[in-house]
Amino acid sequence: MTSTSTAIERPAANASEHNWTGVDYHAPMPRPKINGVPIDFHVHITAARHGTEWFDAARHYGFERFATMTPLEEAVELQRILPGLLHFIAIPKWHDWSDGFIERWRQRIADFHQLGSRIAKFWFAPPAWERGWRLDSDQFRPLLKEAVSRGMAIMTHIGDPELWYRTKYADAARFGTRDDHYRMWENVLQEYPGVPWLAAHLAGNPENLSRLQRLLDRYPNLYMDCSATKWIVRDLCARRDEAREFFIRNQDRIIFGTDLVTGDQRDWDFLASRFWSHRKLWETAYVGPSPIYDPDLPDDAQPVFRGLALPDDCLQKLYHDNALKFLSSVGATLSDTPR
């Protein structure tokens, strides 16, 4: 059995946890070898003031178009800063869960639709279960109906890292089990068989590619994005050959995303670390330590990075074609002209 972890020296206290191996993220990297403009289809640009630095880091790694989960209050200004580069994904006002939040959430879906959004996001990771939220319940039915009636696609976050199910979510009475969560999700998938559906983070279970294959085989309207960095690197590199085969087999159904979340303390190098890692993972056969420290693993069991070296035709679909195909299914598009 191939080793999937390595003992590496913990950096000094002042070392950056997004670059503890000393990568020069500013070094030139050729743009992805694809036709058209590369697209990052899962980002969280949380404030308009982050837009310029975000775009500079992304463009350094070849990415110039984005689907973003940006608060409604920031979206118009961000659209002004980065005109024509973004597709907004409709999200609720986070932490606004007081009485009447379903109606306020429903109104935000309508407001995002007015801005051109054609995707509505529903976050139902295990902490939502603790709140008593069930996506297949009557409570959330008005939100799904609002999005679908407007011709929007649905995006869901179901599931979280398997390591978390064994630790922070180990209390199944509070958080439910993974099987509970996926049963809930499939109830809704079965209710909307013709609606384009995007499952974030490889449907929340990159540790179990057999489960993902069953889902893709069962639901022809389902796409998956490969967003997240530490999680995806850790669990795909641990099963590199199986993951490579899965991506090639399902190359028409997987969309690239980083899941990068901007913040006032997240500088250019932090943003770059995620793009560097994804490009190395998908495009190369690089083997070595990840420059990003994984806090879910001990220092003496950090993941070994094992690039998938996907074929060019697979990368073309991953970085570009599948995102545009998904958008076109709901009458939307992104400009394909480099800025």
C-alpha atoms as a PDB file:
ATOM      1  CA  MET A   1       0.000   0.000   0.000  1.00  0.00           C
ATOM      2  CA  THR A   2       1.338   3.443  -0.932  1.00  0.00           C
ATOM      3  CA  SER A   3       2.062   5.800   1.949  1.00  0.00           C
ATOM      4  CA  THR A   4      -0.264   8.793   1.948  1.00  0.00           C
ATOM      5  CA  SER A   5       1.260  10.886   4.726  1.00  0.00           C
ATOM      6  CA  THR A   6       4.673  12.174   5.636  1.00  0.00           C
ATOM      7  CA  ALA A   7       6.420  13.522   8.699  1.00  0.00           C
ATOM      8  CA  ILE A   8       7.511  17.094   8.046  1.00  0.00           C
ATOM      9  CA  GLU A   9       9.103  19.558  10.384  1.00  0.00           C
ATOM     10  CA  ARG A  10       6.639  21.990  11.946  1.00  0.00           C
ATOM     11  CA  PRO A  11       7.558  25.532  10.840  1.00  0.00           C
ATOM     12  CA  ALA A  12       8.571  28.308  13.154  1.00  0.00           C
ATOM     13  CA  ALA A  13       5.764  30.061  14.999  1.00  0.00           C
ATOM     14  CA  ASN A  14       5.843  32.986  12.588  1.00  0.00           C
ATOM     15  CA  ALA A  15       5.713  30.800   9.465  1.00  0.00           C
ATOM     16  CA  SER A  16       2.659  31.077   7.281  1.00  0.00           C
ATOM     17  CA  GLU A  17       0.383  28.070   7.454  1.00  0.00           C
ATOM     18  CA  HIS A  18      -0.516  28.609   3.806  1.00  0.00           C
ATOM     19  CA  ASN A  19       3.146  28.425   2.795  1.00  0.00           C
ATOM     20  CA  TRP A  20       5.195  26.486   5.261  1.00  0.00           C
ATOM     21  CA  THR A  21       7.308  24.848   2.534  1.00  0.00           C
ATOM     22  CA  GLY A  22       8.534  28.127   1.046  1.00  0.00           C
ATOM     23  CA  VAL A  23       6.832  28.135  -2.383  1.00  0.00           C
ATOM     24  CA  ASP A  24       7.329  31.306  -4.410  1.00  0.00           C
ATOM     25  CA  TYR A  25       3.707  31.935  -5.315  1.00  0.00           C
ATOM     26  CA  HIS A  26       4.720  34.982  -7.368  1.00  0.00           C
ATOM     27  CA  ALA A  27       6.779  32.876  -9.782  1.00  0.00           C
ATOM     28  CA  PRO A  28       5.244  32.814 -13.272  1.00  0.00           C
ATOM     29  CA  MET A  29       2.976  29.878 -14.085  1.00  0.00           C
ATOM     30  CA  PRO A  30       1.735  29.325 -17.652  1.00  0.00           C
ATOM     31  CA  ARG A  31      -2.035  29.637 -18.011  1.00  0.00           C
ATOM     32  CA  PRO A  32      -3.951  26.350 -18.226  1.00  0.00           C
ATOM     33  CA  LYS A  33      -3.639  24.715 -21.652  1.00  0.00           C
ATOM     34  CA  ILE A  34      -7.265  25.126 -22.654  1.00  0.00           C
ATOM     35  CA  ASN A  35      -9.300  26.955 -25.241  1.00  0.00           C
ATOM     36  CA  GLY A  36     -11.275  29.827 -23.734  1.00  0.00           C
ATOM     37  CA  VAL A  37     -11.021  31.629 -20.401  1.00  0.00           C
ATOM     38  CA  PRO A  38     -10.513  29.393 -17.323  1.00  0.00           C
ATOM     39  CA  ILE A  39     -13.382  29.591 -14.819  1.00  0.00           C
ATOM     40  CA  ASP A  40     -13.385  29.173 -11.041  1.00  0.00           C
ATOM     41  CA  PHE A  41     -16.990  28.186 -10.392  1.00  0.00           C
ATOM     42  CA  HIS A  42     -16.975  28.170  -6.572  1.00  0.00           C
ATOM     43  CA  VAL A  43     -15.645  31.218  -4.749  1.00  0.00           C
ATOM     44  CA  HIS A  44     -16.743  33.433  -1.877  1.00  0.00           C
ATOM     45  CA  ILE A  45     -15.731  37.055  -2.529  1.00  0.00           C
ATOM     46  CA  THR A  46     -17.191  38.309   0.718  1.00  0.00           C
ATOM     47  CA  ALA A  47     -16.674  42.048   0.218  1.00  0.00           C
ATOM     48  CA  ALA A  48     -16.280  44.331  -2.783  1.00  0.00           C
ATOM     49  CA  ARG A  49     -13.063  45.768  -1.300  1.00  0.00           C
ATOM     50  CA  HIS A  50     -11.432  42.353  -1.808  1.00  0.00           C
ATOM     51  CA  GLY A  51     -12.196  42.262  -5.523  1.00  0.00           C
ATOM     52  CA  THR A  52      -9.072  43.867  -6.978  1.00  0.00           C
ATOM     53  CA  GLU A  53      -6.563  41.767  -5.018  1.00  0.00           C
ATOM     54  CA  TRP A  54      -8.686  38.680  -5.622  1.00  0.00           C
ATOM     55  CA  PHE A  55      -8.646  39.194  -9.371  1.00  0.00           C
ATOM     56  CA  ASP A  56      -4.909  39.917  -9.431  1.00  0.00           C
ATOM     57  CA  ALA A  57      -4.092  36.639  -7.641  1.00  0.00           C
ATOM     58  CA  ALA A  58      -6.563  34.632  -9.698  1.00  0.00           C
ATOM     59  CA  ARG A  59      -5.326  36.085 -12.974  1.00  0.00           C
ATOM     60  CA  HIS A  60      -1.726  35.263 -12.034  1.00  0.00           C
ATOM     61  CA  TYR A  61      -2.832  31.610 -12.120  1.00  0.00           C
ATOM     62  CA  GLY A  62      -4.880  31.999 -15.297  1.00  0.00           C
ATOM     63  CA  PHE A  63      -8.421  32.370 -13.910  1.00  0.00           C
ATOM     64  CA  GLU A  64     -10.515  35.301 -15.098  1.00  0.00           C
ATOM     65  CA  ARG A  65     -14.161  34.250 -14.689  1.00  0.00           C
ATOM     66  CA  PHE A  66     -15.931  33.263 -11.479  1.00  0.00           C
ATOM     67  CA  ALA A  67     -19.157  32.087  -9.913  1.00  0.00           C
ATOM     68  CA  THR A  68     -19.273  33.700  -6.495  1.00  0.00           C
ATOM     69  CA  MET A  69     -21.311  33.509  -3.316  1.00  0.00           C
ATOM     70  CA  THR A  70     -21.153  37.178  -2.394  1.00  0.00           C
ATOM     71  CA  PRO A  71     -23.503  38.899   0.069  1.00  0.00           C
ATOM     72  CA  LEU A  72     -26.268  40.760  -1.742  1.00  0.00           C
ATOM     73  CA  GLU A  73     -25.157  44.010  -0.064  1.00  0.00           C
ATOM     74  CA  GLU A  74     -21.727  43.730  -1.730  1.00  0.00           C
ATOM     75  CA  ALA A  75     -22.752  42.322  -5.108  1.00  0.00           C
ATOM     76  CA  VAL A  76     -23.600  45.520  -6.998  1.00  0.00           C
ATOM     77  CA  GLU A  77     -20.334  47.242  -6.065  1.00  0.00           C
ATOM     78  CA  LEU A  78     -18.341  44.105  -6.847  1.00  0.00           C
ATOM     79  CA  GLN A  79     -20.047  43.928 -10.226  1.00  0.00           C
ATOM     80  CA  ARG A  80     -18.899  47.512 -10.857  1.00  0.00           C
ATOM     81  CA  ILE A  81     -15.292  46.660  -9.918  1.00  0.00           C
ATOM     82  CA  LEU A  82     -15.166  43.428 -11.954  1.00  0.00           C
ATOM     83  CA  PRO A  83     -17.687  43.993 -14.762  1.00  0.00           C
ATOM     84  CA  GLY A  84     -18.555  40.945 -16.841  1.00  0.00           C
ATOM     85  CA  LEU A  85     -16.349  38.572 -14.853  1.00  0.00           C
ATOM     86  CA  LEU A  86     -18.826  37.186 -12.327  1.00  0.00           C
ATOM     87  CA  HIS A  87     -21.921  35.075 -12.002  1.00  0.00           C
ATOM     88  CA  PHE A  88     -23.563  35.563  -8.630  1.00  0.00           C
ATOM     89  CA  ILE A  89     -24.938  32.562  -6.759  1.00  0.00           C
ATOM     90  CA  ALA A  90     -27.955  33.435  -4.622  1.00  0.00           C
ATOM     91  CA  ILE A  91     -27.352  32.998  -0.892  1.00  0.00           C
ATOM     92  CA  PRO A  92     -29.206  34.027   2.278  1.00  0.00           C
ATOM     93  CA  LYS A  93     -27.998  36.681   4.695  1.00  0.00           C
ATOM     94  CA  TRP A  94     -25.751  34.536   6.836  1.00  0.00           C
ATOM     95  CA  HIS A  95     -26.676  34.238  10.535  1.00  0.00           C
ATOM     96  CA  ASP A  96     -30.035  35.905   9.911  1.00  0.00           C
ATOM     97  CA  TRP A  97     -32.109  33.009  11.229  1.00  0.00           C
ATOM     98  CA  SER A  98     -34.629  34.885  13.378  1.00  0.00           C
ATOM     99  CA  ASP A  99     -38.397  34.664  12.854  1.00  0.00           C
ATOM    100  CA  GLY A 100     -39.340  35.246   9.239  1.00  0.00           C
ATOM    101  CA  PHE A 101     -35.942  34.225   7.813  1.00  0.00           C
ATOM    102  CA  ILE A 102     -37.497  31.913   5.220  1.00  0.00           C
ATOM    103  CA  GLU A 103     -39.415  34.803   3.648  1.00  0.00           C
ATOM    104  CA  ARG A 104     -36.333  37.047   3.759  1.00  0.00           C
ATOM    105  CA  TRP A 105     -34.306  34.264   2.142  1.00  0.00           C
ATOM    106  CA  ARG A 106     -36.983  33.816  -0.517  1.00  0.00           C
ATOM    107  CA  GLN A 107     -36.841  37.553  -1.276  1.00  0.00           C
ATOM    108  CA  ARG A 108     -33.074  37.398  -1.639  1.00  0.00           C
ATOM    109  CA  ILE A 109     -33.404  34.659  -4.216  1.00  0.00           C
ATOM    110  CA  ALA A 110     -35.680  37.018  -6.172  1.00  0.00           C
ATOM    111  CA  ASP A 111     -33.256  39.941  -5.722  1.00  0.00           C
ATOM    112  CA  PHE A 112     -30.256  37.898  -6.858  1.00  0.00           C
ATOM    113  CA  HIS A 113     -32.287  36.751  -9.862  1.00  0.00           C
ATOM    114  CA  GLN A 114     -32.761  40.425 -10.772  1.00  0.00           C
ATOM    115  CA  LEU A 115     -28.948  40.784 -10.747  1.00  0.00           C
ATOM    116  CA  GLY A 116     -28.687  37.954 -13.266  1.00  0.00           C
ATOM    117  CA  SER A 117     -28.151  35.040 -10.896  1.00  0.00           C
ATOM    118  CA  ARG A 118     -29.428  31.704 -12.178  1.00  0.00           C
ATOM    119  CA  ILE A 119     -28.128  29.497  -9.339  1.00  0.00           C
ATOM    120  CA  ALA A 120     -29.440  29.305  -5.768  1.00  0.00           C
ATOM    121  CA  LYS A 121     -27.233  27.823  -3.035  1.00  0.00           C
ATOM    122  CA  PHE A 122     -28.476  25.736  -0.102  1.00  0.00           C
ATOM    123  CA  TRP A 123     -25.988  24.955   2.676  1.00  0.00           C
ATOM    124  CA  PHE A 124     -27.047  21.859   4.615  1.00  0.00           C
ATOM    125  CA  ALA A 125     -23.845  20.613   6.216  1.00  0.00           C
ATOM    126  CA  PRO A 126     -24.185  18.754   9.559  1.00  0.00           C
ATOM    127  CA  PRO A 127     -24.527  21.931  11.705  1.00  0.00           C
ATOM    128  CA  ALA A 128     -27.768  22.645   9.821  1.00  0.00           C
ATOM    129  CA  TRP A 129     -29.084  19.304  11.070  1.00  0.00           C
ATOM    130  CA  GLU A 130     -28.328  20.435  14.623  1.00  0.00           C
ATOM    131  CA  ARG A 131     -30.585  23.465  14.007  1.00  0.00           C
ATOM    132  CA  GLY A 132     -33.368  21.124  12.984  1.00  0.00           C
ATOM    133  CA  TRP A 133     -33.118  22.076   9.312  1.00  0.00           C
ATOM    134  CA  ARG A 134     -34.096  19.468   6.721  1.00  0.00           C
ATOM    135  CA  LEU A 135     -33.905  20.417   3.059  1.00  0.00           C
ATOM    136  CA  ASP A 136     -36.692  17.949   2.266  1.00  0.00           C
ATOM    137  CA  SER A 137     -39.066  19.494   4.831  1.00  0.00           C
ATOM    138  CA  ASP A 138     -42.038  21.774   4.227  1.00  0.00           C
ATOM    139  CA  GLN A 139     -40.097  24.568   5.941  1.00  0.00           C
ATOM    140  CA  PHE A 140     -37.680  24.929   3.016  1.00  0.00           C
ATOM    141  CA  ARG A 141     -40.029  23.968   0.204  1.00  0.00           C
ATOM    142  CA  PRO A 142     -40.921  27.646  -0.589  1.00  0.00           C
ATOM    143  CA  LEU A 143     -37.251  28.413  -1.239  1.00  0.00           C
ATOM    144  CA  LEU A 144     -36.744  25.531  -3.648  1.00  0.00           C
ATOM    145  CA  LYS A 145     -40.010  26.392  -5.391  1.00  0.00           C
ATOM    146  CA  GLU A 146     -38.974  30.050  -5.692  1.00  0.00           C
ATOM    147  CA  ALA A 147     -35.673  29.163  -7.341  1.00  0.00           C
ATOM    148  CA  VAL A 148     -37.094  26.502  -9.639  1.00  0.00           C
ATOM    149  CA  SER A 149     -40.037  28.688 -10.694  1.00  0.00           C
ATOM    150  CA  ARG A 150     -37.516  31.302 -11.827  1.00  0.00           C
ATOM    151  CA  GLY A 151     -35.641  28.770 -13.929  1.00  0.00           C
ATOM    152  CA  MET A 152     -32.642  28.682 -11.612  1.00  0.00           C
ATOM    153  CA  ALA A 153     -30.279  25.798 -10.989  1.00  0.00           C
ATOM    154  CA  ILE A 154     -29.763  24.467  -7.469  1.00  0.00           C
ATOM    155  CA  MET A 155     -26.422  24.188  -5.679  1.00  0.00           C
ATOM    156  CA  THR A 156     -26.102  22.240  -2.431  1.00  0.00           C
ATOM    157  CA  HIS A 157     -23.494  21.674   0.229  1.00  0.00           C
ATOM    158  CA  ILE A 158     -24.300  18.310   1.805  1.00  0.00           C
ATOM    159  CA  GLY A 159     -21.805  16.495   3.992  1.00  0.00           C
ATOM    160  CA  ASP A 160     -18.404  17.480   5.356  1.00  0.00           C
ATOM    161  CA  PRO A 161     -14.993  15.814   5.734  1.00  0.00           C
ATOM    162  CA  GLU A 162     -15.100  12.259   7.051  1.00  0.00           C
ATOM    163  CA  LEU A 163     -12.576  13.271   9.704  1.00  0.00           C
ATOM    164  CA  TRP A 164     -15.146  15.708  11.086  1.00  0.00           C
ATOM    165  CA  TYR A 165     -17.855  13.036  11.230  1.00  0.00           C
ATOM    166  CA  ARG A 166     -15.499  11.055  13.464  1.00  0.00           C
ATOM    167  CA  THR A 167     -14.678  14.014  15.701  1.00  0.00           C
ATOM    168  CA  LYS A 168     -16.735  17.226  15.838  1.00  0.00           C
ATOM    169  CA  TYR A 169     -19.896  15.510  14.477  1.00  0.00           C
ATOM    170  CA  ALA A 170     -19.510  12.253  16.366  1.00  0.00           C
ATOM    171  CA  ASP A 171     -22.705  12.918  18.340  1.00  0.00           C
ATOM    172  CA  ALA A 172     -25.206  11.533  15.827  1.00  0.00           C
ATOM    173  CA  ALA A 173     -28.141  12.551  18.020  1.00  0.00           C
ATOM    174  CA  ARG A 174     -27.144  16.209  17.478  1.00  0.00           C
ATOM    175  CA  PHE A 175     -25.731  16.172  13.965  1.00  0.00           C
ATOM    176  CA  GLY A 176     -27.246  13.118  12.308  1.00  0.00           C
ATOM    177  CA  THR A 177     -25.203  10.604  10.352  1.00  0.00           C
ATOM    178  CA  ARG A 178     -23.805  10.896   6.859  1.00  0.00           C
ATOM    179  CA  ASP A 179     -26.454   8.455   5.668  1.00  0.00           C
ATOM    180  CA  ASP A 180     -29.149  10.672   7.222  1.00  0.00           C
ATOM    181  CA  HIS A 181     -27.832  13.677   5.336  1.00  0.00           C
ATOM    182  CA  TYR A 182     -27.632  11.944   1.979  1.00  0.00           C
ATOM    183  CA  ARG A 183     -31.055  10.374   2.378  1.00  0.00           C
ATOM    184  CA  MET A 184     -32.472  13.874   2.954  1.00  0.00           C
ATOM    185  CA  TRP A 185     -30.652  15.200  -0.106  1.00  0.00           C
ATOM    186  CA  GLU A 186     -31.775  12.387  -2.376  1.00  0.00           C
ATOM    187  CA  ASN A 187     -35.379  12.970  -1.355  1.00  0.00           C
ATOM    188  CA  VAL A 188     -35.089  16.436  -2.879  1.00  0.00           C
ATOM    189  CA  LEU A 189     -33.092  15.294  -5.918  1.00  0.00           C
ATOM    190  CA  GLN A 190     -35.881  12.856  -6.705  1.00  0.00           C
ATOM    191  CA  GLU A 191     -38.453  15.623  -6.412  1.00  0.00           C
ATOM    192  CA  TYR A 192     -36.692  17.817  -9.011  1.00  0.00           C
ATOM    193  CA  PRO A 193     -35.391  15.400 -11.667  1.00  0.00           C
ATOM    194  CA  GLY A 194     -35.175  17.974 -14.445  1.00  0.00           C
ATOM    195  CA  VAL A 195     -33.479  20.791 -12.528  1.00  0.00           C
ATOM    196  CA  PRO A 196     -29.746  21.329 -13.137  1.00  0.00           C
ATOM    197  CA  TRP A 197     -28.043  20.567  -9.822  1.00  0.00           C
ATOM    198  CA  LEU A 198     -24.500  21.277  -8.637  1.00  0.00           C
ATOM    199  CA  ALA A 199     -23.116  19.374  -5.642  1.00  0.00           C
ATOM    200  CA  ALA A 200     -20.312  21.305  -3.956  1.00  0.00           C
ATOM    201  CA  HIS A 201     -17.046  19.726  -2.801  1.00  0.00           C
ATOM    202  CA  LEU A 202     -17.500  16.530  -4.823  1.00  0.00           C
ATOM    203  CA  ALA A 203     -20.928  16.158  -3.218  1.00  0.00           C
ATOM    204  CA  GLY A 204     -19.333  16.467   0.212  1.00  0.00           C
ATOM    205  CA  ASN A 205     -17.758  13.008   0.143  1.00  0.00           C
ATOM    206  CA  PRO A 206     -14.475  12.796  -1.821  1.00  0.00           C
ATOM    207  CA  GLU A 207     -13.470  10.014   0.561  1.00  0.00           C
ATOM    208  CA  ASN A 208     -16.054   7.712  -1.042  1.00  0.00           C
ATOM    209  CA  LEU A 209     -15.840   7.873  -4.823  1.00  0.00           C
ATOM    210  CA  SER A 210     -18.104   4.833  -5.141  1.00  0.00           C
ATOM    211  CA  ARG A 211     -20.912   6.812  -3.503  1.00  0.00           C
ATOM    212  CA  LEU A 212     -20.282   9.699  -5.891  1.00  0.00           C
ATOM    213  CA  GLN A 213     -20.406   7.382  -8.875  1.00  0.00           C
ATOM    214  CA  ARG A 214     -23.736   5.964  -7.772  1.00  0.00           C
ATOM    215  CA  LEU A 215     -25.142   9.473  -7.443  1.00  0.00           C
ATOM    216  CA  LEU A 216     -23.934  10.512 -10.892  1.00  0.00           C
ATOM    217  CA  ASP A 217     -25.308   7.333 -12.438  1.00  0.00           C
ATOM    218  CA  ARG A 218     -28.673   7.769 -10.706  1.00  0.00           C
ATOM    219  CA  TYR A 219     -29.210  11.498 -11.377  1.00  0.00           C
ATOM    220  CA  PRO A 220     -28.365  12.642 -14.912  1.00  0.00           C
ATOM    221  CA  ASN A 221     -29.098  16.285 -13.979  1.00  0.00           C
ATOM    222  CA  LEU A 222     -26.367  16.240 -11.312  1.00  0.00           C
ATOM    223  CA  TYR A 223     -22.968  17.925 -11.633  1.00  0.00           C
ATOM    224  CA  MET A 224     -20.249  18.121  -8.988  1.00  0.00           C
ATOM    225  CA  ASP A 225     -17.620  20.740  -8.326  1.00  0.00           C
ATOM    226  CA  CYS A 226     -14.175  19.853  -6.997  1.00  0.00           C
ATOM    227  CA  SER A 227     -13.857  22.831  -4.672  1.00  0.00           C
ATOM    228  CA  ALA A 228     -12.080  23.025  -1.300  1.00  0.00           C
ATOM    229  CA  THR A 229      -8.305  22.749  -1.036  1.00  0.00           C
ATOM    230  CA  LYS A 230      -7.012  21.057   2.118  1.00  0.00           C
ATOM    231  CA  TRP A 231      -9.921  18.589   2.064  1.00  0.00           C
ATOM    232  CA  ILE A 232      -9.637  17.753  -1.635  1.00  0.00           C
ATOM    233  CA  VAL A 233      -5.833  17.511  -1.574  1.00  0.00           C
ATOM    234  CA  ARG A 234      -5.895  15.297   1.518  1.00  0.00           C
ATOM    235  CA  ASP A 235      -8.499  12.843   0.323  1.00  0.00           C
ATOM    236  CA  LEU A 236      -7.902  12.642  -3.415  1.00  0.00           C
ATOM    237  CA  CYS A 237      -4.144  12.337  -3.036  1.00  0.00           C
ATOM    238  CA  ALA A 238      -4.749   9.484  -0.595  1.00  0.00           C
ATOM    239  CA  ARG A 239      -6.479   7.593  -3.437  1.00  0.00           C
ATOM    240  CA  ARG A 240      -4.717   9.168  -6.399  1.00  0.00           C
ATOM    241  CA  ASP A 241      -5.213   6.456  -9.012  1.00  0.00           C
ATOM    242  CA  GLU A 242      -8.870   5.896  -8.151  1.00  0.00           C
ATOM    243  CA  ALA A 243      -9.475   9.664  -8.196  1.00  0.00           C
ATOM    244  CA  ARG A 244      -7.802  10.079 -11.577  1.00  0.00           C
ATOM    245  CA  GLU A 245      -9.949   7.320 -13.050  1.00  0.00           C
ATOM    246  CA  PHE A 246     -13.080   8.887 -11.516  1.00  0.00           C
ATOM    247  CA  PHE A 247     -12.336  12.304 -13.030  1.00  0.00           C
ATOM    248  CA  ILE A 248     -11.638  10.880 -16.461  1.00  0.00           C
ATOM    249  CA  ARG A 249     -14.750   8.701 -16.401  1.00  0.00           C
ATOM    250  CA  ASN A 250     -16.946  11.614 -15.298  1.00  0.00           C
ATOM    251  CA  GLN A 251     -15.179  14.394 -17.144  1.00  0.00           C
ATOM    252  CA  ASP A 252     -18.455  15.785 -18.527  1.00  0.00           C
ATOM    253  CA  ARG A 253     -19.965  16.227 -15.039  1.00  0.00           C
ATOM    254  CA  ILE A 254     -17.250  17.854 -12.872  1.00  0.00           C
ATOM    255  CA  ILE A 255     -16.669  21.620 -12.660  1.00  0.00           C
ATOM    256  CA  PHE A 256     -13.592  23.323 -11.255  1.00  0.00           C
ATOM    257  CA  GLY A 257     -13.799  25.482  -8.133  1.00  0.00           C
ATOM    258  CA  THR A 258     -11.467  26.536  -5.340  1.00  0.00           C
ATOM    259  CA  ASP A 259     -13.909  27.430  -2.528  1.00  0.00           C
ATOM    260  CA  LEU A 260     -11.642  30.383  -1.779  1.00  0.00           C
ATOM    261  CA  VAL A 261     -13.142  32.677   0.848  1.00  0.00           C
ATOM    262  CA  THR A 262     -11.781  36.213   0.922  1.00  0.00           C
ATOM    263  CA  GLY A 263     -11.169  38.116   4.149  1.00  0.00           C
ATOM    264  CA  ASP A 264      -9.385  41.235   5.343  1.00  0.00           C
ATOM    265  CA  GLN A 265      -6.596  39.090   6.819  1.00  0.00           C
ATOM    266  CA  ARG A 266      -6.277  36.857   3.752  1.00  0.00           C
ATOM    267  CA  ASP A 267      -3.585  38.393   1.586  1.00  0.00           C
ATOM    268  CA  TRP A 268      -2.407  37.769  -1.977  1.00  0.00           C
ATOM    269  CA  ASP A 269      -0.237  34.811  -0.963  1.00  0.00           C
ATOM    270  CA  PHE A 270      -3.119  33.147   0.884  1.00  0.00           C
ATOM    271  CA  LEU A 271      -5.286  33.381  -2.233  1.00  0.00           C
ATOM    272  CA  ALA A 272      -2.416  32.224  -4.433  1.00  0.00           C
ATOM    273  CA  SER A 273      -1.761  29.163  -2.270  1.00  0.00           C
ATOM    274  CA  ARG A 274      -5.124  27.697  -3.214  1.00  0.00           C
ATOM    275  CA  PHE A 275      -4.733  28.322  -6.949  1.00  0.00           C
ATOM    276  CA  TRP A 276      -1.191  26.895  -6.868  1.00  0.00           C
ATOM    277  CA  SER A 277      -2.411  23.750  -5.108  1.00  0.00           C
ATOM    278  CA  HIS A 278      -5.310  23.129  -7.467  1.00  0.00           C
ATOM    279  CA  ARG A 279      -3.239  23.628 -10.592  1.00  0.00           C
ATOM    280  CA  LYS A 280      -0.576  21.266  -9.292  1.00  0.00           C
ATOM    281  CA  LEU A 281      -3.218  18.712  -8.323  1.00  0.00           C
ATOM    282  CA  TRP A 282      -5.120  18.582 -11.598  1.00  0.00           C
ATOM    283  CA  GLU A 283      -2.411  19.317 -14.166  1.00  0.00           C
ATOM    284  CA  THR A 284       0.813  17.733 -12.904  1.00  0.00           C
ATOM    285  CA  ALA A 285       2.237  14.529 -11.454  1.00  0.00           C
ATOM    286  CA  TYR A 286       3.902  16.468  -8.635  1.00  0.00           C
ATOM    287  CA  VAL A 287       4.655  14.363  -5.542  1.00  0.00           C
ATOM    288  CA  GLY A 288       5.719  16.067  -2.346  1.00  0.00           C
ATOM    289  CA  PRO A 289       4.503  17.951   0.712  1.00  0.00           C
ATOM    290  CA  SER A 290       1.619  20.372   0.414  1.00  0.00           C
ATOM    291  CA  PRO A 291       2.590  23.969   1.142  1.00  0.00           C
ATOM    292  CA  ILE A 292      -0.664  24.378   3.104  1.00  0.00           C
ATOM    293  CA  TYR A 293      -0.640  22.995   6.631  1.00  0.00           C
ATOM    294  CA  ASP A 294      -3.596  20.671   7.292  1.00  0.00           C
ATOM    295  CA  PRO A 295      -4.830  21.281  10.860  1.00  0.00           C
ATOM    296  CA  ASP A 296      -7.024  18.168  10.749  1.00  0.00           C
ATOM    297  CA  LEU A 297      -3.925  15.960  10.736  1.00  0.00           C
ATOM    298  CA  PRO A 298      -0.996  15.749  13.165  1.00  0.00           C
ATOM    299  CA  ASP A 299       2.358  17.179  12.172  1.00  0.00           C
ATOM    300  CA  ASP A 300       3.819  13.715  11.635  1.00  0.00           C
ATOM    301  CA  ALA A 301       0.976  12.666   9.309  1.00  0.00           C
ATOM    302  CA  GLN A 302       0.601  15.552   6.895  1.00  0.00           C
ATOM    303  CA  PRO A 303      -0.654  14.523   3.420  1.00  0.00           C
ATOM    304  CA  VAL A 304       1.622  13.656   0.566  1.00  0.00           C
ATOM    305  CA  PHE A 305       0.622  15.685  -2.475  1.00  0.00           C
ATOM    306  CA  ARG A 306       0.137  13.397  -5.515  1.00  0.00           C
ATOM    307  CA  GLY A 307      -0.902  15.193  -8.682  1.00  0.00           C
ATOM    308  CA  LEU A 308      -3.520  13.570 -10.921  1.00  0.00           C
ATOM    309  CA  ALA A 309      -1.990  14.793 -14.224  1.00  0.00           C
ATOM    310  CA  LEU A 310      -5.382  14.801 -15.948  1.00  0.00           C
ATOM    311  CA  PRO A 311      -5.446  14.577 -19.766  1.00  0.00           C
ATOM    312  CA  ASP A 312      -5.823  17.804 -21.729  1.00  0.00           C
ATOM    313  CA  ASP A 313      -9.366  17.023 -22.896  1.00  0.00           C
ATOM    314  CA  CYS A 314     -10.413  16.447 -19.305  1.00  0.00           C
ATOM    315  CA  LEU A 315      -8.860  19.744 -18.186  1.00  0.00           C
ATOM    316  CA  GLN A 316     -10.663  21.556 -21.005  1.00  0.00           C
ATOM    317  CA  LYS A 317     -14.002  20.432 -19.602  1.00  0.00           C
ATOM    318  CA  LEU A 318     -13.025  20.851 -15.947  1.00  0.00           C
ATOM    319  CA  TYR A 319     -11.748  24.425 -16.273  1.00  0.00           C
ATOM    320  CA  HIS A 320     -14.120  25.725 -18.941  1.00  0.00           C
ATOM    321  CA  ASP A 321     -16.617  23.715 -20.933  1.00  0.00           C
ATOM    322  CA  ASN A 322     -18.652  22.200 -18.113  1.00  0.00           C
ATOM    323  CA  ALA A 323     -19.188  25.522 -16.342  1.00  0.00           C
ATOM    324  CA  LEU A 324     -20.515  27.117 -19.514  1.00  0.00           C
ATOM    325  CA  LYS A 325     -22.644  24.070 -20.262  1.00  0.00           C
ATOM    326  CA  PHE A 326     -24.136  24.211 -16.772  1.00  0.00           C
ATOM    327  CA  LEU A 327     -24.881  27.931 -17.093  1.00  0.00           C
ATOM    328  CA  SER A 328     -26.397  27.505 -20.551  1.00  0.00           C
ATOM    329  CA  SER A 329     -28.856  24.965 -19.118  1.00  0.00           C
ATOM    330  CA  VAL A 330     -30.456  27.871 -17.213  1.00  0.00           C
ATOM    331  CA  GLY A 331     -30.058  30.468 -19.951  1.00  0.00           C
ATOM    332  CA  ALA A 332     -26.914  32.121 -18.591  1.00  0.00           C
ATOM    333  CA  THR A 333     -23.319  32.512 -19.718  1.00  0.00           C
ATOM    334  CA  LEU A 334     -19.994  34.157 -18.913  1.00  0.00           C
ATOM    335  CA  SER A 335     -17.909  36.184 -21.336  1.00  0.00           C
ATOM    336  CA  ASP A 336     -15.239  34.065 -22.982  1.00  0.00           C
ATOM    337  CA  THR A 337     -13.018  36.971 -24.041  1.00  0.00           C
ATOM    338  CA  PRO A 338      -9.819  37.463 -21.988  1.00  0.00           C
ATOM    339  CA  ARG A 339      -9.720  40.746 -20.101  1.00  0.00           C
END
